[in-house]
């Protein structure tokens, strides 16, 4: 399934973001997304409250 246009560009999330100092929100979201991507238990516990079942990413 193709991604929407607003999702096709951009930089990948990084644990140590490379963004301007004024982009605090971008840095924070990058760190959170990297943690979600890397730690299965974190993904499961954060998304469980939303009713989202999470499996192992390949």
PDB file of N, CA and C in Angstrom:
ATOM      1  N   UNK A   1       0.846  -1.174   0.000  1.00  0.00           N
ATOM      2  CA  UNK A   1       0.000   0.000   0.000  1.00  0.00           C
ATOM      3  C   UNK A   1       0.894   1.240   0.000  1.00  0.00           C
ATOM      4  N   UNK A   2       0.702   2.141  -0.949  1.00  0.00           N
ATOM      5  CA  UNK A   2       1.555   3.341  -1.013  1.00  0.00           C
ATOM      6  C   UNK A   2       1.277   4.293   0.143  1.00  0.00           C
ATOM      7  N   UNK A   3       2.313   4.975   0.557  1.00  0.00           N
ATOM      8  CA  UNK A   3       2.190   5.944   1.652  1.00  0.00           C
ATOM      9  C   UNK A   3       1.649   7.268   1.138  1.00  0.00           C
ATOM     10  N   UNK A   4       0.950   8.016   2.012  1.00  0.00           N
ATOM     11  CA  UNK A   4       0.512   9.363   1.617  1.00  0.00           C
ATOM     12  C   UNK A   4       1.721  10.262   1.350  1.00  0.00           C
ATOM     13  N   UNK A   5       1.527  11.315   0.571  1.00  0.00           N
ATOM     14  CA  UNK A   5       2.629  12.209   0.198  1.00  0.00           C
ATOM     15  C   UNK A   5       3.358  12.790   1.396  1.00  0.00           C
ATOM     16  N   UNK A   6       2.617  13.110   2.491  1.00  0.00           N
ATOM     17  CA  UNK A   6       3.272  13.729   3.634  1.00  0.00           C
ATOM     18  C   UNK A   6       4.148  12.741   4.408  1.00  0.00           C
ATOM     19  N   UNK A   7       4.055  11.448   4.095  1.00  0.00           N
ATOM     20  CA  UNK A   7       4.884  10.450   4.770  1.00  0.00           C
ATOM     21  C   UNK A   7       6.047   9.953   3.922  1.00  0.00           C
ATOM     22  N   UNK A   8       6.093  10.317   2.658  1.00  0.00           N
ATOM     23  CA  UNK A   8       7.134   9.768   1.795  1.00  0.00           C
ATOM     24  C   UNK A   8       8.483  10.460   1.955  1.00  0.00           C
ATOM     25  N   UNK A   9       8.513  11.691   2.437  1.00  0.00           N
ATOM     26  CA  UNK A   9       9.772  12.406   2.589  1.00  0.00           C
ATOM     27  C   UNK A   9      10.196  12.456   4.046  1.00  0.00           C
ATOM     28  N   UNK A  10      11.199  13.240   4.317  1.00  0.00           N
ATOM     29  CA  UNK A  10      11.631  13.432   5.693  1.00  0.00           C
ATOM     30  C   UNK A  10      12.853  12.616   6.048  1.00  0.00           C
ATOM     31  N   UNK A  11      13.337  12.852   7.224  1.00  0.00           N
ATOM     32  CA  UNK A  11      14.515  12.161   7.735  1.00  0.00           C
ATOM     33  C   UNK A  11      14.093  11.007   8.624  1.00  0.00           C
ATOM     34  N   UNK A  12      14.896   9.954   8.693  1.00  0.00           N
ATOM     35  CA  UNK A  12      14.574   8.860   9.620  1.00  0.00           C
ATOM     36  C   UNK A  12      14.751   9.313  11.070  1.00  0.00           C
ATOM     37  N   UNK A  13      13.991   8.702  11.975  1.00  0.00           N
ATOM     38  CA  UNK A  13      14.133   9.011  13.397  1.00  0.00           C
ATOM     39  C   UNK A  13      15.508   8.542  13.867  1.00  0.00           C
ATOM     40  N   UNK A  14      16.115   9.317  14.747  1.00  0.00           N
ATOM     41  CA  UNK A  14      17.454   8.986  15.268  1.00  0.00           C
ATOM     42  C   UNK A  14      17.463   9.146  16.777  1.00  0.00           C
ATOM     43  N   UNK A  15      18.239   8.303  17.430  1.00  0.00           N
ATOM     44  CA  UNK A  15      18.378   8.413  18.874  1.00  0.00           C
ATOM     45  C   UNK A  15      19.061   9.721  19.247  1.00  0.00           C
ATOM     46  N   UNK A  16      20.045  10.104  18.449  1.00  0.00           N
ATOM     47  CA  UNK A  16      20.703  11.394  18.625  1.00  0.00           C
ATOM     48  C   UNK A  16      20.389  12.201  17.373  1.00  0.00           C
ATOM     49  N   UNK A  17      19.305  13.011  17.426  1.00  0.00           N
ATOM     50  CA  UNK A  17      18.837  13.712  16.232  1.00  0.00           C
ATOM     51  C   UNK A  17      19.803  14.769  15.721  1.00  0.00           C
ATOM     52  N   UNK A  18      19.761  14.955  14.406  1.00  0.00           N
ATOM     53  CA  UNK A  18      20.557  16.003  13.783  1.00  0.00           C
ATOM     54  C   UNK A  18      19.583  17.081  13.333  1.00  0.00           C
ATOM     55  N   UNK A  19      19.205  17.951  14.245  1.00  0.00           N
ATOM     56  CA  UNK A  19      18.265  19.030  13.939  1.00  0.00           C
ATOM     57  C   UNK A  19      18.776  20.306  14.600  1.00  0.00           C
ATOM     58  N   UNK A  20      18.267  21.416  14.125  1.00  0.00           N
ATOM     59  CA  UNK A  20      18.663  22.704  14.699  1.00  0.00           C
ATOM     60  C   UNK A  20      18.256  22.767  16.167  1.00  0.00           C
ATOM     61  N   UNK A  21      18.980  23.551  16.949  1.00  0.00           N
ATOM     62  CA  UNK A  21      18.657  23.697  18.372  1.00  0.00           C
ATOM     63  C   UNK A  21      17.254  24.256  18.589  1.00  0.00           C
ATOM     64  N   UNK A  22      16.753  25.006  17.620  1.00  0.00           N
ATOM     65  CA  UNK A  22      15.419  25.582  17.764  1.00  0.00           C
ATOM     66  C   UNK A  22      14.307  24.563  17.504  1.00  0.00           C
ATOM     67  N   UNK A  23      14.641  23.381  16.997  1.00  0.00           N
ATOM     68  CA  UNK A  23      13.646  22.353  16.668  1.00  0.00           C
ATOM     69  C   UNK A  23      13.549  21.330  17.799  1.00  0.00           C
ATOM     70  N   UNK A  24      13.212  21.781  18.992  1.00  0.00           N
ATOM     71  CA  UNK A  24      13.158  20.892  20.153  1.00  0.00           C
ATOM     72  C   UNK A  24      12.119  19.793  19.995  1.00  0.00           C
ATOM     73  N   UNK A  25      10.946  20.151  19.438  1.00  0.00           N
ATOM     74  CA  UNK A  25       9.888  19.156  19.265  1.00  0.00           C
ATOM     75  C   UNK A  25      10.336  18.053  18.316  1.00  0.00           C
ATOM     76  N   UNK A  26      11.007  18.434  17.240  1.00  0.00           N
ATOM     77  CA  UNK A  26      11.492  17.457  16.269  1.00  0.00           C
ATOM     78  C   UNK A  26      12.505  16.523  16.919  1.00  0.00           C
ATOM     79  N   UNK A  27      13.385  17.066  17.740  1.00  0.00           N
ATOM     80  CA  UNK A  27      14.366  16.243  18.432  1.00  0.00           C
ATOM     81  C   UNK A  27      13.693  15.275  19.391  1.00  0.00           C
ATOM     82  N   UNK A  28      12.706  15.766  20.151  1.00  0.00           N
ATOM     83  CA  UNK A  28      12.012  14.920  21.124  1.00  0.00           C
ATOM     84  C   UNK A  28      11.262  13.786  20.446  1.00  0.00           C
ATOM     85  N   UNK A  29      10.549  14.096  19.379  1.00  0.00           N
ATOM     86  CA  UNK A  29       9.788  13.072  18.662  1.00  0.00           C
ATOM     87  C   UNK A  29      10.730  12.049  18.043  1.00  0.00           C
ATOM     88  N   UNK A  30      11.857  12.489  17.546  1.00  0.00           N
ATOM     89  CA  UNK A  30      12.832  11.580  16.953  1.00  0.00           C
ATOM     90  C   UNK A  30      13.324  10.562  17.977  1.00  0.00           C
ATOM     91  N   UNK A  31      13.614  11.019  19.181  1.00  0.00           N
ATOM     92  CA  UNK A  31      14.098  10.120  20.238  1.00  0.00           C
ATOM     93  C   UNK A  31      12.997   9.123  20.631  1.00  0.00           C
ATOM     94  N   UNK A  32      11.760   9.599  20.778  1.00  0.00           N
ATOM     95  CA  UNK A  32      10.646   8.719  21.157  1.00  0.00           C
ATOM     96  C   UNK A  32      10.397   7.677  20.073  1.00  0.00           C
ATOM     97  N   UNK A  33      10.367   8.092  18.812  1.00  0.00           N
ATOM     98  CA  UNK A  33      10.118   7.148  17.725  1.00  0.00           C
ATOM     99  C   UNK A  33      11.220   6.106  17.608  1.00  0.00           C
ATOM    100  N   UNK A  34      12.462   6.525  17.835  1.00  0.00           N
ATOM    101  CA  UNK A  34      13.564   5.572  17.803  1.00  0.00           C
ATOM    102  C   UNK A  34      13.422   4.544  18.920  1.00  0.00           C
ATOM    103  N   UNK A  35      13.029   5.004  20.102  1.00  0.00           N
ATOM    104  CA  UNK A  35      12.806   4.076  21.213  1.00  0.00           C
ATOM    105  C   UNK A  35      11.686   3.104  20.909  1.00  0.00           C
ATOM    106  N   UNK A  36      10.587   3.597  20.331  1.00  0.00           N
ATOM    107  CA  UNK A  36       9.469   2.725  19.975  1.00  0.00           C
ATOM    108  C   UNK A  36       9.884   1.692  18.928  1.00  0.00           C
ATOM    109  N   UNK A  37      10.700   2.122  18.007  1.00  0.00           N
ATOM    110  CA  UNK A  37      11.151   1.237  16.937  1.00  0.00           C
ATOM    111  C   UNK A  37      12.122   0.169  17.459  1.00  0.00           C
ATOM    112  N   UNK A  38      12.885   0.504  18.468  1.00  0.00           N
ATOM    113  CA  UNK A  38      13.949  -0.384  18.932  1.00  0.00           C
ATOM    114  C   UNK A  38      13.558  -1.313  20.071  1.00  0.00           C
ATOM    115  N   UNK A  39      12.608  -0.913  20.906  1.00  0.00           N
ATOM    116  CA  UNK A  39      12.311  -1.671  22.125  1.00  0.00           C
ATOM    117  C   UNK A  39      10.871  -2.195  22.079  1.00  0.00           C
ATOM    118  N   UNK A  40      10.722  -3.495  21.872  1.00  0.00           N
ATOM    119  CA  UNK A  40       9.405  -4.116  21.754  1.00  0.00           C
ATOM    120  C   UNK A  40       8.548  -3.857  22.991  1.00  0.00           C
ATOM    121  N   UNK A  41       9.115  -4.006  24.176  1.00  0.00           N
ATOM    122  CA  UNK A  41       8.350  -3.824  25.408  1.00  0.00           C
ATOM    123  C   UNK A  41       7.834  -2.392  25.549  1.00  0.00           C
ATOM    124  N   UNK A  42       8.627  -1.429  25.120  1.00  0.00           N
ATOM    125  CA  UNK A  42       8.209  -0.024  25.163  1.00  0.00           C
ATOM    126  C   UNK A  42       7.038   0.193  24.214  1.00  0.00           C
ATOM    127  N   UNK A  43       7.153  -0.337  22.990  1.00  0.00           N
ATOM    128  CA  UNK A  43       6.053  -0.234  22.018  1.00  0.00           C
ATOM    129  C   UNK A  43       4.778  -0.840  22.570  1.00  0.00           C
ATOM    130  N   UNK A  44       4.898  -2.036  23.121  1.00  0.00           N
ATOM    131  CA  UNK A  44       3.719  -2.727  23.629  1.00  0.00           C
ATOM    132  C   UNK A  44       3.057  -1.959  24.764  1.00  0.00           C
ATOM    133  N   UNK A  45       3.835  -1.463  25.709  1.00  0.00           N
ATOM    134  CA  UNK A  45       3.241  -0.778  26.857  1.00  0.00           C
ATOM    135  C   UNK A  45       2.649   0.579  26.472  1.00  0.00           C
ATOM    136  N   UNK A  46       3.294   1.301  25.557  1.00  0.00           N
ATOM    137  CA  UNK A  46       2.772   2.612  25.166  1.00  0.00           C
ATOM    138  C   UNK A  46       1.521   2.491  24.303  1.00  0.00           C
ATOM    139  N   UNK A  47       1.476   1.501  23.436  1.00  0.00           N
ATOM    140  CA  UNK A  47       0.353   1.383  22.508  1.00  0.00           C
ATOM    141  C   UNK A  47      -0.795   0.536  23.058  1.00  0.00           C
ATOM    142  N   UNK A  48      -0.546  -0.206  24.136  1.00  0.00           N
ATOM    143  CA  UNK A  48      -1.593  -1.039  24.726  1.00  0.00           C
ATOM    144  C   UNK A  48      -2.782  -0.194  25.189  1.00  0.00           C
ATOM    145  N   UNK A  49      -2.509   0.978  25.727  1.00  0.00           N
ATOM    146  CA  UNK A  49      -3.586   1.847  26.212  1.00  0.00           C
ATOM    147  C   UNK A  49      -4.486   2.338  25.070  1.00  0.00           C
ATOM    148  N   UNK A  50      -3.980   2.294  23.841  1.00  0.00           N
ATOM    149  CA  UNK A  50      -4.770   2.695  22.679  1.00  0.00           C
ATOM    150  C   UNK A  50      -5.504   1.522  22.045  1.00  0.00           C
ATOM    151  N   UNK A  51      -5.280   0.332  22.597  1.00  0.00           N
ATOM    152  CA  UNK A  51      -5.920  -0.857  22.051  1.00  0.00           C
ATOM    153  C   UNK A  51      -5.240  -1.379  20.799  1.00  0.00           C
ATOM    154  N   UNK A  52      -3.974  -1.004  20.602  1.00  0.00           N
ATOM    155  CA  UNK A  52      -3.229  -1.436  19.428  1.00  0.00           C
ATOM    156  C   UNK A  52      -2.375  -2.640  19.815  1.00  0.00           C
ATOM    157  N   UNK A  53      -2.546  -3.734  19.101  1.00  0.00           N
ATOM    158  CA  UNK A  53      -1.738  -4.924  19.351  1.00  0.00           C
ATOM    159  C   UNK A  53      -0.431  -4.780  18.561  1.00  0.00           C
ATOM    160  N   UNK A  54       0.687  -5.016  19.218  1.00  0.00           N
ATOM    161  CA  UNK A  54       1.989  -4.794  18.604  1.00  0.00           C
ATOM    162  C   UNK A  54       2.740  -6.100  18.527  1.00  0.00           C
ATOM    163  N   UNK A  55       3.295  -6.369  17.364  1.00  0.00           N
ATOM    164  CA  UNK A  55       4.115  -7.560  17.166  1.00  0.00           C
ATOM    165  C   UNK A  55       5.567  -7.170  16.995  1.00  0.00           C
ATOM    166  N   UNK A  56       6.350  -8.115  16.574  1.00  0.00           N
ATOM    167  CA  UNK A  56       7.781  -7.892  16.371  1.00  0.00           C
ATOM    168  C   UNK A  56       7.989  -7.318  14.973  1.00  0.00           C
ATOM    169  N   UNK A  57       8.759  -6.233  14.897  1.00  0.00           N
ATOM    170  CA  UNK A  57       9.075  -5.633  13.588  1.00  0.00           C
ATOM    171  C   UNK A  57      10.199  -6.415  12.939  1.00  0.00           C
ATOM    172  N   UNK A  58      10.105  -6.563  11.657  1.00  0.00           N
ATOM    173  CA  UNK A  58      11.145  -7.289  10.915  1.00  0.00           C
ATOM    174  C   UNK A  58      11.947  -6.306  10.116  1.00  0.00           C
TER     175      UNK A  58
END
